[in-house]
């Protein structure tokens, strides 16, 4: 089969590799649509990921498709079933899993390789995070289950209440998904990003006001002006830039929760004003990945069609154009691209 392999920093190659065969407890799907992700872009640019993969490796982690092979011991699934698989599953047996803190499981089974004709799903994911796609949901929308599950996890950890004023930094696919999820919970969202077209999508997803940060001299000052001089009740950072983490903290009112969601490069640090942190009683949170419950909630939200998530799909391209797709993502010409075989 034709598949994309990541060899290092911006070194992505299409190669012929053997078709996967399922072992015990596994299934193989024919990929109908694989969607690109900001995490894929960061991994491509950085040449690896601290948790999910090490080059050289099959690449991509968002996909939906149809089961074409079933391994020994798999029950409840049939050849031809339309399915979406999360890119991970917790072990269920460790310290963190016993406390239902599944995203912290040190034994997470990760799966990569969605930018290919076929994808093998490991047994733990088959058992916990392989879901049937509703009949009327297109594969390219179902493929977005994983990132939306991460967002729903992030929202749940952000202490958001109806009527809260939320400052959101970042207009990538994750940031825009946050807008939709937050607006759905009754929050008033102020979205800051660098692309007018993406900000328009944010407005359609329910943002109360949108701002191009290039036209905003000082984001924290603007947030305070929007919030009676206090700052936001909740701040969510969705860019993965250390300087933006510091900006996010500066946007917070006393007593606020700051969700530092965007993953920064390894070994980077930020400076925190200890006086503000202590006397303003700030809650700073790092939130990573998702859990099985949020995977199911995400697919349900996509299937409800209450949010026009199709607006996140900027383009559709064959696998052979994947290198150009990542260049377009790097240049911020597209939000997400559906790769079809």
C-alpha atoms as a PDB file:
ATOM      1  CA  UNK A   1       0.000   0.000   0.000  1.00  0.00           C
ATOM      2  CA  UNK A   2       0.990   3.635  -0.357  1.00  0.00           C
ATOM      3  CA  UNK A   3       1.683   5.316   2.982  1.00  0.00           C
ATOM      4  CA  UNK A   4       3.295   8.452   4.398  1.00  0.00           C
ATOM      5  CA  UNK A   5       6.302   7.990   6.679  1.00  0.00           C
ATOM      6  CA  UNK A   6       7.889  10.709   8.788  1.00  0.00           C
ATOM      7  CA  UNK A   7      11.683  10.475   8.859  1.00  0.00           C
ATOM      8  CA  UNK A   8      12.509  13.739  10.613  1.00  0.00           C
ATOM      9  CA  UNK A   9      12.055  17.487  10.554  1.00  0.00           C
ATOM     10  CA  UNK A  10       9.903  18.329   7.502  1.00  0.00           C
ATOM     11  CA  UNK A  11      10.985  15.011   6.005  1.00  0.00           C
ATOM     12  CA  UNK A  12       7.792  13.248   4.921  1.00  0.00           C
ATOM     13  CA  UNK A  13       8.013  10.511   2.299  1.00  0.00           C
ATOM     14  CA  UNK A  14       5.405   8.496   0.424  1.00  0.00           C
ATOM     15  CA  UNK A  15       6.460   4.874   0.165  1.00  0.00           C
ATOM     16  CA  UNK A  16       5.084   1.487  -0.736  1.00  0.00           C
ATOM     17  CA  UNK A  17       4.840  -0.632   2.413  1.00  0.00           C
ATOM     18  CA  UNK A  18       3.229  -4.029   3.055  1.00  0.00           C
ATOM     19  CA  UNK A  19      -0.510  -4.052   3.600  1.00  0.00           C
ATOM     20  CA  UNK A  20      -1.258  -4.476   7.312  1.00  0.00           C
ATOM     21  CA  UNK A  21      -2.735  -7.732   8.594  1.00  0.00           C
ATOM     22  CA  UNK A  22      -4.649  -7.883  11.873  1.00  0.00           C
ATOM     23  CA  UNK A  23      -3.268  -9.782  14.838  1.00  0.00           C
ATOM     24  CA  UNK A  24      -5.416 -11.108  17.674  1.00  0.00           C
ATOM     25  CA  UNK A  25      -7.879  -8.460  18.833  1.00  0.00           C
ATOM     26  CA  UNK A  26      -7.054  -6.117  15.953  1.00  0.00           C
ATOM     27  CA  UNK A  27      -8.884  -4.877  12.872  1.00  0.00           C
ATOM     28  CA  UNK A  28      -7.731  -3.248   9.648  1.00  0.00           C
ATOM     29  CA  UNK A  29      -9.691  -0.446   8.050  1.00  0.00           C
ATOM     30  CA  UNK A  30      -9.540   0.970   4.566  1.00  0.00           C
ATOM     31  CA  UNK A  31      -9.098   4.693   5.093  1.00  0.00           C
ATOM     32  CA  UNK A  32     -11.952   6.679   3.545  1.00  0.00           C
ATOM     33  CA  UNK A  33     -10.779  10.055   4.841  1.00  0.00           C
ATOM     34  CA  UNK A  34      -7.842  11.183   6.945  1.00  0.00           C
ATOM     35  CA  UNK A  35      -7.873  14.757   8.201  1.00  0.00           C
ATOM     36  CA  UNK A  36      -4.800  16.850   8.853  1.00  0.00           C
ATOM     37  CA  UNK A  37      -4.278  18.363  12.283  1.00  0.00           C
ATOM     38  CA  UNK A  38      -2.285  21.141  13.911  1.00  0.00           C
ATOM     39  CA  UNK A  39      -0.522  18.469  15.942  1.00  0.00           C
ATOM     40  CA  UNK A  40       0.532  16.748  12.709  1.00  0.00           C
ATOM     41  CA  UNK A  41       1.891  20.079  11.501  1.00  0.00           C
ATOM     42  CA  UNK A  42       3.888  20.616  14.690  1.00  0.00           C
ATOM     43  CA  UNK A  43       5.232  17.062  14.594  1.00  0.00           C
ATOM     44  CA  UNK A  44       6.201  17.469  10.931  1.00  0.00           C
ATOM     45  CA  UNK A  45       7.964  20.759  11.627  1.00  0.00           C
ATOM     46  CA  UNK A  46       9.696  19.526  14.801  1.00  0.00           C
ATOM     47  CA  UNK A  47      10.500  16.062  13.496  1.00  0.00           C
ATOM     48  CA  UNK A  48       8.871  14.082  16.309  1.00  0.00           C
ATOM     49  CA  UNK A  49       6.609  14.044  19.346  1.00  0.00           C
ATOM     50  CA  UNK A  50       7.492  13.431  22.974  1.00  0.00           C
ATOM     51  CA  UNK A  51       4.648  10.974  23.530  1.00  0.00           C
ATOM     52  CA  UNK A  52       3.017   9.817  20.311  1.00  0.00           C
ATOM     53  CA  UNK A  53       5.742   8.802  17.872  1.00  0.00           C
ATOM     54  CA  UNK A  54       9.417   8.559  17.028  1.00  0.00           C
ATOM     55  CA  UNK A  55      10.671   8.657  13.410  1.00  0.00           C
ATOM     56  CA  UNK A  56      10.887   6.860  11.153  1.00  0.00           C
ATOM     57  CA  UNK A  57       7.235   5.989  11.492  1.00  0.00           C
ATOM     58  CA  UNK A  58       3.902   5.860   9.750  1.00  0.00           C
ATOM     59  CA  UNK A  59       2.264   9.263  10.084  1.00  0.00           C
ATOM     60  CA  UNK A  60      -1.162  10.797  10.748  1.00  0.00           C
ATOM     61  CA  UNK A  61      -3.677  10.153  13.512  1.00  0.00           C
ATOM     62  CA  UNK A  62      -7.188  11.240  12.396  1.00  0.00           C
ATOM     63  CA  UNK A  63      -9.127   8.876  10.132  1.00  0.00           C
ATOM     64  CA  UNK A  64     -12.403   7.168   9.418  1.00  0.00           C
ATOM     65  CA  UNK A  65     -12.995   4.198   7.166  1.00  0.00           C
ATOM     66  CA  UNK A  66     -14.411   0.744   6.641  1.00  0.00           C
ATOM     67  CA  UNK A  67     -13.358  -2.513   8.259  1.00  0.00           C
ATOM     68  CA  UNK A  68     -11.722  -4.828   5.705  1.00  0.00           C
ATOM     69  CA  UNK A  69     -10.082  -7.438   7.972  1.00  0.00           C
ATOM     70  CA  UNK A  70     -10.774  -8.733  11.475  1.00  0.00           C
ATOM     71  CA  UNK A  71      -8.310 -10.473  13.769  1.00  0.00           C
ATOM     72  CA  UNK A  72      -8.810 -13.515  15.956  1.00  0.00           C
ATOM     73  CA  UNK A  73     -11.033 -12.922  18.971  1.00  0.00           C
ATOM     74  CA  UNK A  74     -12.665  -9.724  17.758  1.00  0.00           C
ATOM     75  CA  UNK A  75     -16.416  -9.738  18.315  1.00  0.00           C
ATOM     76  CA  UNK A  76     -19.143  -7.214  17.624  1.00  0.00           C
ATOM     77  CA  UNK A  77     -17.677  -5.977  14.347  1.00  0.00           C
ATOM     78  CA  UNK A  78     -18.176  -7.044  10.745  1.00  0.00           C
ATOM     79  CA  UNK A  79     -16.411  -6.562   7.441  1.00  0.00           C
ATOM     80  CA  UNK A  80     -17.846  -3.422   5.852  1.00  0.00           C
ATOM     81  CA  UNK A  81     -18.663  -1.597   9.093  1.00  0.00           C
ATOM     82  CA  UNK A  82     -17.984   2.139   8.876  1.00  0.00           C
ATOM     83  CA  UNK A  83     -15.872   3.085  11.890  1.00  0.00           C
ATOM     84  CA  UNK A  84     -13.735   5.776  13.453  1.00  0.00           C
ATOM     85  CA  UNK A  85     -10.906   4.910  15.817  1.00  0.00           C
ATOM     86  CA  UNK A  86      -9.337   7.219  18.362  1.00  0.00           C
ATOM     87  CA  UNK A  87      -5.548   7.342  18.088  1.00  0.00           C
ATOM     88  CA  UNK A  88      -5.049   5.991  21.607  1.00  0.00           C
ATOM     89  CA  UNK A  89      -6.416   3.902  24.436  1.00  0.00           C
ATOM     90  CA  UNK A  90      -5.465   3.804  28.131  1.00  0.00           C
ATOM     91  CA  UNK A  91      -4.278   0.614  29.820  1.00  0.00           C
ATOM     92  CA  UNK A  92      -7.054   0.635  32.495  1.00  0.00           C
ATOM     93  CA  UNK A  93      -4.681  -0.954  35.034  1.00  0.00           C
ATOM     94  CA  UNK A  94      -2.281   1.765  36.186  1.00  0.00           C
ATOM     95  CA  UNK A  95      -2.331   4.284  39.058  1.00  0.00           C
ATOM     96  CA  UNK A  96      -3.971   6.949  36.888  1.00  0.00           C
ATOM     97  CA  UNK A  97      -6.490   4.697  35.161  1.00  0.00           C
ATOM     98  CA  UNK A  98      -7.687   3.466  38.549  1.00  0.00           C
ATOM     99  CA  UNK A  99      -8.475   7.112  39.284  1.00  0.00           C
ATOM    100  CA  UNK A 100     -10.152   7.575  35.881  1.00  0.00           C
ATOM    101  CA  UNK A 101      -7.419  10.028  34.852  1.00  0.00           C
ATOM    102  CA  UNK A 102      -7.060   8.228  31.549  1.00  0.00           C
ATOM    103  CA  UNK A 103      -5.194  10.953  29.657  1.00  0.00           C
ATOM    104  CA  UNK A 104      -2.359  10.651  32.204  1.00  0.00           C
ATOM    105  CA  UNK A 105      -1.948   6.896  31.662  1.00  0.00           C
ATOM    106  CA  UNK A 106       1.791   6.256  31.156  1.00  0.00           C
ATOM    107  CA  UNK A 107       0.938   3.178  29.105  1.00  0.00           C
ATOM    108  CA  UNK A 108      -1.309   4.813  26.504  1.00  0.00           C
ATOM    109  CA  UNK A 109      -1.390   2.787  23.305  1.00  0.00           C
ATOM    110  CA  UNK A 110      -0.891   5.311  20.503  1.00  0.00           C
ATOM    111  CA  UNK A 111      -1.608   4.590  16.856  1.00  0.00           C
ATOM    112  CA  UNK A 112      -0.262   6.457  13.845  1.00  0.00           C
ATOM    113  CA  UNK A 113      -0.496   5.852  10.129  1.00  0.00           C
ATOM    114  CA  UNK A 114      -3.763   7.360   8.923  1.00  0.00           C
ATOM    115  CA  UNK A 115      -2.112   8.885   5.836  1.00  0.00           C
ATOM    116  CA  UNK A 116      -2.212   5.540   4.058  1.00  0.00           C
ATOM    117  CA  UNK A 117      -4.570   3.298   2.150  1.00  0.00           C
ATOM    118  CA  UNK A 118      -5.078   0.992   5.128  1.00  0.00           C
ATOM    119  CA  UNK A 119      -4.736   1.378   8.893  1.00  0.00           C
ATOM    120  CA  UNK A 120      -4.346  -1.336  11.518  1.00  0.00           C
ATOM    121  CA  UNK A 121      -6.153  -0.646  14.794  1.00  0.00           C
ATOM    122  CA  UNK A 122      -4.399  -2.095  17.893  1.00  0.00           C
ATOM    123  CA  UNK A 123      -6.405  -4.342  20.211  1.00  0.00           C
ATOM    124  CA  UNK A 124      -6.684  -1.857  23.141  1.00  0.00           C
ATOM    125  CA  UNK A 125      -8.182   0.747  20.793  1.00  0.00           C
ATOM    126  CA  UNK A 126     -10.546  -1.825  19.271  1.00  0.00           C
ATOM    127  CA  UNK A 127     -11.703  -2.667  22.779  1.00  0.00           C
ATOM    128  CA  UNK A 128     -12.168   0.903  24.032  1.00  0.00           C
ATOM    129  CA  UNK A 129     -12.136   3.528  21.292  1.00  0.00           C
ATOM    130  CA  UNK A 130     -13.396   2.014  18.030  1.00  0.00           C
ATOM    131  CA  UNK A 131     -16.850   3.445  17.294  1.00  0.00           C
ATOM    132  CA  UNK A 132     -19.465   2.963  14.560  1.00  0.00           C
ATOM    133  CA  UNK A 133     -20.044   5.975  12.344  1.00  0.00           C
ATOM    134  CA  UNK A 134     -23.689   7.067  12.108  1.00  0.00           C
ATOM    135  CA  UNK A 135     -25.075   6.329   8.662  1.00  0.00           C
ATOM    136  CA  UNK A 136     -25.532   9.926   7.526  1.00  0.00           C
ATOM    137  CA  UNK A 137     -22.223  11.301   8.868  1.00  0.00           C
ATOM    138  CA  UNK A 138     -19.547  11.798   6.172  1.00  0.00           C
ATOM    139  CA  UNK A 139     -16.212  10.115   6.810  1.00  0.00           C
ATOM    140  CA  UNK A 140     -14.279  13.392   6.730  1.00  0.00           C
ATOM    141  CA  UNK A 141     -16.402  14.744   9.603  1.00  0.00           C
ATOM    142  CA  UNK A 142     -16.183  11.503  11.580  1.00  0.00           C
ATOM    143  CA  UNK A 143     -12.394  11.677  11.215  1.00  0.00           C
ATOM    144  CA  UNK A 144     -12.428  14.815  13.372  1.00  0.00           C
ATOM    145  CA  UNK A 145     -13.601  12.852  16.413  1.00  0.00           C
ATOM    146  CA  UNK A 146     -10.139  12.710  18.002  1.00  0.00           C
ATOM    147  CA  UNK A 147      -9.331  16.457  18.050  1.00  0.00           C
ATOM    148  CA  UNK A 148     -12.861  17.353  19.112  1.00  0.00           C
ATOM    149  CA  UNK A 149     -12.577  14.825  21.963  1.00  0.00           C
ATOM    150  CA  UNK A 150      -9.418  16.617  23.101  1.00  0.00           C
ATOM    151  CA  UNK A 151     -11.285  19.933  23.007  1.00  0.00           C
ATOM    152  CA  UNK A 152     -14.242  18.598  24.995  1.00  0.00           C
ATOM    153  CA  UNK A 153     -11.780  17.285  27.576  1.00  0.00           C
ATOM    154  CA  UNK A 154     -10.171  20.736  27.664  1.00  0.00           C
ATOM    155  CA  UNK A 155     -13.490  22.507  28.129  1.00  0.00           C
ATOM    156  CA  UNK A 156     -14.462  20.169  30.953  1.00  0.00           C
ATOM    157  CA  UNK A 157     -11.212  20.940  32.756  1.00  0.00           C
ATOM    158  CA  UNK A 158     -11.615  24.710  32.372  1.00  0.00           C
ATOM    159  CA  UNK A 159     -14.290  25.344  35.018  1.00  0.00           C
ATOM    160  CA  UNK A 160     -16.517  27.123  32.491  1.00  0.00           C
ATOM    161  CA  UNK A 161     -19.946  28.244  33.648  1.00  0.00           C
ATOM    162  CA  UNK A 162     -22.821  29.674  31.558  1.00  0.00           C
ATOM    163  CA  UNK A 163     -22.273  33.386  31.066  1.00  0.00           C
ATOM    164  CA  UNK A 164     -18.515  33.218  31.680  1.00  0.00           C
ATOM    165  CA  UNK A 165     -16.404  35.513  29.548  1.00  0.00           C
ATOM    166  CA  UNK A 166     -13.699  33.442  27.893  1.00  0.00           C
ATOM    167  CA  UNK A 167     -10.610  34.771  26.115  1.00  0.00           C
ATOM    168  CA  UNK A 168      -9.419  32.261  23.536  1.00  0.00           C
ATOM    169  CA  UNK A 169      -6.002  32.637  21.914  1.00  0.00           C
ATOM    170  CA  UNK A 170      -5.596  30.774  18.639  1.00  0.00           C
ATOM    171  CA  UNK A 171      -7.668  30.365  15.466  1.00  0.00           C
ATOM    172  CA  UNK A 172      -6.425  26.990  14.318  1.00  0.00           C
ATOM    173  CA  UNK A 173      -8.769  24.029  14.054  1.00  0.00           C
ATOM    174  CA  UNK A 174      -8.448  23.342  17.793  1.00  0.00           C
ATOM    175  CA  UNK A 175      -9.136  26.959  18.726  1.00  0.00           C
ATOM    176  CA  UNK A 176     -12.175  27.063  16.471  1.00  0.00           C
ATOM    177  CA  UNK A 177     -13.479  23.803  17.924  1.00  0.00           C
ATOM    178  CA  UNK A 178     -13.075  25.364  21.363  1.00  0.00           C
ATOM    179  CA  UNK A 179     -15.244  28.283  20.240  1.00  0.00           C
ATOM    180  CA  UNK A 180     -18.031  25.916  19.226  1.00  0.00           C
ATOM    181  CA  UNK A 181     -17.833  23.851  22.412  1.00  0.00           C
ATOM    182  CA  UNK A 182     -17.664  26.897  24.695  1.00  0.00           C
ATOM    183  CA  UNK A 183     -20.504  28.718  22.950  1.00  0.00           C
ATOM    184  CA  UNK A 184     -22.553  25.533  23.242  1.00  0.00           C
ATOM    185  CA  UNK A 185     -22.110  25.790  27.030  1.00  0.00           C
ATOM    186  CA  UNK A 186     -23.333  29.372  27.115  1.00  0.00           C
ATOM    187  CA  UNK A 187     -19.974  31.129  27.395  1.00  0.00           C
ATOM    188  CA  UNK A 188     -19.231  34.518  25.845  1.00  0.00           C
ATOM    189  CA  UNK A 189     -16.129  33.878  23.765  1.00  0.00           C
ATOM    190  CA  UNK A 190     -13.599  36.497  22.651  1.00  0.00           C
ATOM    191  CA  UNK A 191     -11.449  34.918  19.952  1.00  0.00           C
ATOM    192  CA  UNK A 192      -7.977  36.231  19.055  1.00  0.00           C
ATOM    193  CA  UNK A 193      -6.263  34.939  15.920  1.00  0.00           C
ATOM    194  CA  UNK A 194      -4.195  35.946  12.935  1.00  0.00           C
ATOM    195  CA  UNK A 195      -6.450  35.083   9.991  1.00  0.00           C
ATOM    196  CA  UNK A 196      -9.545  37.061   9.069  1.00  0.00           C
ATOM    197  CA  UNK A 197     -11.056  34.091   7.221  1.00  0.00           C
ATOM    198  CA  UNK A 198     -10.569  31.812  10.227  1.00  0.00           C
ATOM    199  CA  UNK A 199     -11.998  34.457  12.523  1.00  0.00           C
ATOM    200  CA  UNK A 200     -15.104  34.495  10.314  1.00  0.00           C
ATOM    201  CA  UNK A 201     -15.456  30.760  10.963  1.00  0.00           C
ATOM    202  CA  UNK A 202     -15.100  31.521  14.667  1.00  0.00           C
ATOM    203  CA  UNK A 203     -18.016  33.930  14.420  1.00  0.00           C
ATOM    204  CA  UNK A 204     -20.125  31.269  12.707  1.00  0.00           C
ATOM    205  CA  UNK A 205     -19.194  28.848  15.508  1.00  0.00           C
ATOM    206  CA  UNK A 206     -20.546  31.277  18.100  1.00  0.00           C
ATOM    207  CA  UNK A 207     -17.757  33.659  19.110  1.00  0.00           C
ATOM    208  CA  UNK A 208     -19.209  36.860  20.583  1.00  0.00           C
ATOM    209  CA  UNK A 209     -16.358  38.982  19.222  1.00  0.00           C
ATOM    210  CA  UNK A 210     -13.272  38.205  17.135  1.00  0.00           C
ATOM    211  CA  UNK A 211      -9.980  40.094  16.912  1.00  0.00           C
ATOM    212  CA  UNK A 212      -7.037  39.893  14.560  1.00  0.00           C
ATOM    213  CA  UNK A 213      -4.130  40.110  17.001  1.00  0.00           C
ATOM    214  CA  UNK A 214      -2.075  41.957  14.380  1.00  0.00           C
ATOM    215  CA  UNK A 215      -4.474  44.865  14.834  1.00  0.00           C
ATOM    216  CA  UNK A 216      -4.560  44.653  18.637  1.00  0.00           C
ATOM    217  CA  UNK A 217      -1.699  46.562  20.295  1.00  0.00           C
ATOM    218  CA  UNK A 218      -2.083  44.744  23.615  1.00  0.00           C
ATOM    219  CA  UNK A 219      -4.269  41.650  24.010  1.00  0.00           C
ATOM    220  CA  UNK A 220      -4.499  41.677  27.851  1.00  0.00           C
ATOM    221  CA  UNK A 221      -5.546  45.342  27.804  1.00  0.00           C
ATOM    222  CA  UNK A 222      -8.205  44.589  25.194  1.00  0.00           C
ATOM    223  CA  UNK A 223      -9.526  41.669  27.272  1.00  0.00           C
ATOM    224  CA  UNK A 224      -9.748  43.906  30.343  1.00  0.00           C
ATOM    225  CA  UNK A 225     -11.662  46.514  28.323  1.00  0.00           C
ATOM    226  CA  UNK A 226     -14.135  43.798  27.328  1.00  0.00           C
ATOM    227  CA  UNK A 227     -14.605  42.628  30.909  1.00  0.00           C
ATOM    228  CA  UNK A 228     -15.191  45.761  32.975  1.00  0.00           C
ATOM    229  CA  UNK A 229     -11.490  46.085  33.712  1.00  0.00           C
ATOM    230  CA  UNK A 230     -11.122  42.688  35.396  1.00  0.00           C
ATOM    231  CA  UNK A 231      -9.948  40.222  32.802  1.00  0.00           C
ATOM    232  CA  UNK A 232     -11.506  36.999  31.531  1.00  0.00           C
ATOM    233  CA  UNK A 233     -13.180  34.433  33.789  1.00  0.00           C
ATOM    234  CA  UNK A 234     -11.485  31.703  31.759  1.00  0.00           C
ATOM    235  CA  UNK A 235      -8.564  31.940  29.361  1.00  0.00           C
ATOM    236  CA  UNK A 236      -7.672  29.183  26.898  1.00  0.00           C
ATOM    237  CA  UNK A 237      -4.398  29.160  24.995  1.00  0.00           C
ATOM    238  CA  UNK A 238      -4.527  27.070  21.804  1.00  0.00           C
ATOM    239  CA  UNK A 239      -1.380  27.966  19.891  1.00  0.00           C
ATOM    240  CA  UNK A 240       1.477  26.121  21.592  1.00  0.00           C
ATOM    241  CA  UNK A 241       3.722  29.202  21.709  1.00  0.00           C
ATOM    242  CA  UNK A 242       5.380  29.966  25.079  1.00  0.00           C
ATOM    243  CA  UNK A 243       4.928  33.731  24.672  1.00  0.00           C
ATOM    244  CA  UNK A 244       1.204  33.147  24.106  1.00  0.00           C
ATOM    245  CA  UNK A 245       1.067  31.159  27.352  1.00  0.00           C
ATOM    246  CA  UNK A 246       2.350  34.258  29.160  1.00  0.00           C
ATOM    247  CA  UNK A 247      -0.157  36.455  27.322  1.00  0.00           C
ATOM    248  CA  UNK A 248      -2.956  34.092  28.351  1.00  0.00           C
ATOM    249  CA  UNK A 249      -2.034  34.408  32.031  1.00  0.00           C
ATOM    250  CA  UNK A 250      -1.973  38.193  31.704  1.00  0.00           C
ATOM    251  CA  UNK A 251      -5.559  38.125  30.352  1.00  0.00           C
ATOM    252  CA  UNK A 252      -6.973  36.456  33.464  1.00  0.00           C
ATOM    253  CA  UNK A 253      -9.064  38.128  36.153  1.00  0.00           C
ATOM    254  CA  UNK A 254      -8.476  37.340  39.835  1.00  0.00           C
ATOM    255  CA  UNK A 255      -9.830  33.860  40.496  1.00  0.00           C
ATOM    256  CA  UNK A 256      -9.691  32.852  36.827  1.00  0.00           C
ATOM    257  CA  UNK A 257      -8.791  29.509  35.316  1.00  0.00           C
ATOM    258  CA  UNK A 258      -6.125  29.562  32.613  1.00  0.00           C
ATOM    259  CA  UNK A 259      -6.038  26.478  30.398  1.00  0.00           C
ATOM    260  CA  UNK A 260      -2.609  26.189  28.764  1.00  0.00           C
ATOM    261  CA  UNK A 261      -3.817  23.750  26.135  1.00  0.00           C
ATOM    262  CA  UNK A 262      -1.438  24.270  23.225  1.00  0.00           C
ATOM    263  CA  UNK A 263       1.577  21.960  23.455  1.00  0.00           C
ATOM    264  CA  UNK A 264       4.845  23.919  23.299  1.00  0.00           C
ATOM    265  CA  UNK A 265       8.199  22.647  21.988  1.00  0.00           C
ATOM    266  CA  UNK A 266      10.125  20.387  24.335  1.00  0.00           C
ATOM    267  CA  UNK A 267      12.278  22.066  27.014  1.00  0.00           C
ATOM    268  CA  UNK A 268      10.643  25.488  26.613  1.00  0.00           C
ATOM    269  CA  UNK A 269       9.768  27.526  29.689  1.00  0.00           C
ATOM    270  CA  UNK A 270       7.648  30.533  30.622  1.00  0.00           C
ATOM    271  CA  UNK A 271       7.869  33.228  33.282  1.00  0.00           C
ATOM    272  CA  UNK A 272       4.978  33.608  35.721  1.00  0.00           C
ATOM    273  CA  UNK A 273       4.442  36.625  37.945  1.00  0.00           C
ATOM    274  CA  UNK A 274       4.325  35.034  41.385  1.00  0.00           C
ATOM    275  CA  UNK A 275       2.497  37.993  42.913  1.00  0.00           C
ATOM    276  CA  UNK A 276      -0.309  37.721  40.365  1.00  0.00           C
ATOM    277  CA  UNK A 277      -0.482  33.945  40.693  1.00  0.00           C
ATOM    278  CA  UNK A 278      -0.663  34.055  44.494  1.00  0.00           C
ATOM    279  CA  UNK A 279      -2.750  37.117  45.308  1.00  0.00           C
ATOM    280  CA  UNK A 280      -5.102  36.714  42.354  1.00  0.00           C
ATOM    281  CA  UNK A 281      -5.648  33.040  43.184  1.00  0.00           C
ATOM    282  CA  UNK A 282      -5.177  31.929  39.594  1.00  0.00           C
ATOM    283  CA  UNK A 283      -5.633  28.334  38.534  1.00  0.00           C
ATOM    284  CA  UNK A 284      -3.175  27.367  35.792  1.00  0.00           C
ATOM    285  CA  UNK A 285      -3.852  24.073  34.043  1.00  0.00           C
ATOM    286  CA  UNK A 286      -2.123  22.018  31.437  1.00  0.00           C
ATOM    287  CA  UNK A 287      -4.605  19.717  29.689  1.00  0.00           C
ATOM    288  CA  UNK A 288      -3.500  16.869  27.441  1.00  0.00           C
ATOM    289  CA  UNK A 289      -5.298  14.571  25.016  1.00  0.00           C
ATOM    290  CA  UNK A 290      -8.669  12.910  25.670  1.00  0.00           C
ATOM    291  CA  UNK A 291     -10.460  10.032  27.375  1.00  0.00           C
ATOM    292  CA  UNK A 292     -12.894   7.366  26.094  1.00  0.00           C
ATOM    293  CA  UNK A 293     -15.916   9.285  27.380  1.00  0.00           C
ATOM    294  CA  UNK A 294     -14.957  12.407  25.432  1.00  0.00           C
ATOM    295  CA  UNK A 295     -14.302  10.349  22.283  1.00  0.00           C
ATOM    296  CA  UNK A 296     -17.927   9.229  22.402  1.00  0.00           C
ATOM    297  CA  UNK A 297     -19.182  12.712  23.215  1.00  0.00           C
ATOM    298  CA  UNK A 298     -17.235  14.144  20.290  1.00  0.00           C
ATOM    299  CA  UNK A 299     -18.659  11.698  17.764  1.00  0.00           C
ATOM    300  CA  UNK A 300     -22.141  12.401  19.127  1.00  0.00           C
ATOM    301  CA  UNK A 301     -21.654  16.159  18.707  1.00  0.00           C
ATOM    302  CA  UNK A 302     -20.368  15.712  15.149  1.00  0.00           C
ATOM    303  CA  UNK A 303     -23.308  13.461  14.319  1.00  0.00           C
ATOM    304  CA  UNK A 304     -25.810  15.984  15.709  1.00  0.00           C
ATOM    305  CA  UNK A 305     -24.805  18.435  12.936  1.00  0.00           C
ATOM    306  CA  UNK A 306     -25.630  21.310  15.295  1.00  0.00           C
ATOM    307  CA  UNK A 307     -22.275  22.928  14.505  1.00  0.00           C
ATOM    308  CA  UNK A 308     -21.115  23.339  10.872  1.00  0.00           C
ATOM    309  CA  UNK A 309     -17.782  21.590  11.480  1.00  0.00           C
ATOM    310  CA  UNK A 310     -17.475  21.102   7.725  1.00  0.00           C
ATOM    311  CA  UNK A 311     -16.277  24.732   7.635  1.00  0.00           C
ATOM    312  CA  UNK A 312     -12.972  23.461   9.058  1.00  0.00           C
ATOM    313  CA  UNK A 313     -12.310  21.427   5.895  1.00  0.00           C
ATOM    314  CA  UNK A 314     -10.528  23.886   3.637  1.00  0.00           C
ATOM    315  CA  UNK A 315      -9.592  21.409   0.918  1.00  0.00           C
ATOM    316  CA  UNK A 316      -9.683  17.788  -0.209  1.00  0.00           C
ATOM    317  CA  UNK A 317      -6.612  16.195  -1.747  1.00  0.00           C
ATOM    318  CA  UNK A 318      -5.297  12.742  -2.679  1.00  0.00           C
ATOM    319  CA  UNK A 319      -2.534  11.152  -0.632  1.00  0.00           C
ATOM    320  CA  UNK A 320      -0.019  11.953  -3.358  1.00  0.00           C
ATOM    321  CA  UNK A 321      -0.396  15.682  -2.568  1.00  0.00           C
ATOM    322  CA  UNK A 322       0.321  15.321   1.156  1.00  0.00           C
ATOM    323  CA  UNK A 323       3.672  17.121   1.097  1.00  0.00           C
ATOM    324  CA  UNK A 324       2.090  20.151  -0.585  1.00  0.00           C
ATOM    325  CA  UNK A 325      -0.780  20.006   1.910  1.00  0.00           C
ATOM    326  CA  UNK A 326       1.675  20.382   4.800  1.00  0.00           C
ATOM    327  CA  UNK A 327       3.363  23.294   3.055  1.00  0.00           C
ATOM    328  CA  UNK A 328      -0.066  24.920   2.717  1.00  0.00           C
ATOM    329  CA  UNK A 329      -0.732  24.299   6.416  1.00  0.00           C
ATOM    330  CA  UNK A 330       2.647  25.802   7.299  1.00  0.00           C
ATOM    331  CA  UNK A 331       1.715  28.894   5.256  1.00  0.00           C
ATOM    332  CA  UNK A 332      -1.724  28.976   6.976  1.00  0.00           C
ATOM    333  CA  UNK A 333      -3.512  28.680   3.641  1.00  0.00           C
ATOM    334  CA  UNK A 334      -5.784  25.937   4.965  1.00  0.00           C
ATOM    335  CA  UNK A 335      -7.324  24.910   8.299  1.00  0.00           C
ATOM    336  CA  UNK A 336      -7.816  21.169   7.848  1.00  0.00           C
ATOM    337  CA  UNK A 337      -7.492  19.100   4.685  1.00  0.00           C
ATOM    338  CA  UNK A 338      -9.277  15.814   4.058  1.00  0.00           C
ATOM    339  CA  UNK A 339      -6.941  13.281   2.470  1.00  0.00           C
ATOM    340  CA  UNK A 340      -8.812  10.659   0.474  1.00  0.00           C
ATOM    341  CA  UNK A 341      -7.490   7.621  -1.334  1.00  0.00           C
END
